[in-house]
Amino acid sequence: MRPLWRCRNCGAEWPCQPARLGLLVEYRDDRTALLGYLAALMTEADHQLGQLHPGRRPELTDRFLTWARARG
């Protein structure tokens, strides 16, 4: 749900756990593309959430990117 960036199914901040799992499955063969996609969405979310809450910039790196980095 934009511009709130919440999941339509569960209401949690997007990407929620089910969304993260779905994205990892969808991009299982191209982690770089997943990170690029998430970075673009993070930029959009930063802009939209910034308009909703002027003067208060949310920290979005962990929410959008950190969890998607390859482990190991």
Protein backbone atom coordinates (compact mmCIF):
# COMPACT_ATOMS: atom_id res chain seq x y z
CA MET A 1 0.00 0.00 0.00
CA ARG A 2 1.70 3.11 -1.22
CA PRO A 3 2.49 5.74 -0.06
CA LEU A 4 2.46 4.07 3.38
CA TRP A 5 4.65 1.18 2.22
CA ARG A 6 2.68 -1.44 4.11
CA CYS A 7 1.73 -4.92 2.93
CA ARG A 8 -1.78 -5.22 1.51
CA ASN A 9 -2.12 -8.70 3.00
CA CYS A 10 -0.83 -8.37 6.55
CA GLY A 11 -0.43 -4.61 7.12
CA ALA A 12 3.22 -4.92 8.19
CA GLU A 13 5.92 -2.66 6.80
CA TRP A 14 6.77 -3.75 3.27
CA PRO A 15 8.70 -5.83 2.51
CA CYS A 16 7.27 -8.06 5.22
CA GLN A 17 8.54 -11.61 5.81
CA PRO A 18 6.22 -13.24 3.24
CA ALA A 19 7.16 -10.58 0.65
CA ARG A 20 10.86 -11.09 1.37
CA LEU A 21 10.52 -14.83 0.90
CA GLY A 22 8.61 -14.32 -2.35
CA LEU A 23 11.26 -11.93 -3.65
CA LEU A 24 14.09 -14.30 -2.73
CA VAL A 25 12.33 -17.10 -4.62
CA GLU A 26 11.56 -14.89 -7.61
CA TYR A 27 15.14 -13.60 -7.83
CA ARG A 28 16.89 -16.78 -6.64
CA ASP A 29 19.19 -16.81 -9.66
CA ASP A 30 19.98 -13.09 -9.74
CA ARG A 31 20.64 -11.49 -6.35
CA THR A 32 22.16 -8.43 -8.05
CA ALA A 33 18.90 -7.76 -9.90
CA LEU A 34 16.97 -8.16 -6.63
CA LEU A 35 19.20 -5.61 -4.91
CA GLY A 36 18.81 -3.19 -7.83
CA TYR A 37 15.03 -3.59 -7.75
CA LEU A 38 14.90 -3.07 -3.98
CA ALA A 39 17.21 -0.04 -4.19
CA ALA A 40 14.86 1.58 -6.71
CA LEU A 41 11.87 0.86 -4.48
CA MET A 42 13.74 2.17 -1.45
CA THR A 43 14.34 5.46 -3.26
CA GLU A 44 10.64 5.72 -4.08
CA ALA A 45 9.65 4.83 -0.52
CA ASP A 46 12.08 7.39 0.89
CA HIS A 47 10.49 10.08 -1.24
CA GLN A 48 6.89 9.12 -0.45
CA LEU A 49 7.44 8.55 3.26
CA GLY A 50 9.36 11.82 3.44
CA GLN A 51 6.33 13.63 2.06
CA LEU A 52 4.07 11.96 4.63
CA HIS A 53 6.41 12.78 7.52
CA PRO A 54 8.30 15.99 6.67
CA GLY A 55 11.45 16.52 8.70
CA ARG A 56 11.66 12.86 9.71
CA ARG A 57 13.57 10.61 7.34
CA PRO A 58 13.06 6.92 8.04
CA GLU A 59 16.03 4.57 7.95
CA LEU A 60 15.21 2.24 5.10
CA THR A 61 18.47 0.41 4.35
CA ASP A 62 17.84 -2.52 6.70
CA ARG A 63 14.21 -2.70 5.69
CA PHE A 64 14.89 -2.80 1.95
CA LEU A 65 18.45 -4.00 1.38
CA THR A 66 20.36 -5.56 4.24
CA TRP A 67 18.18 -8.67 4.49
CA ALA A 68 18.59 -9.36 0.75
CA ARG A 69 22.38 -9.44 0.67
CA ALA A 70 23.91 -12.83 0.03
CA ARG A 71 25.06 -14.64 3.13
CA GLY A 72 28.10 -16.75 3.44
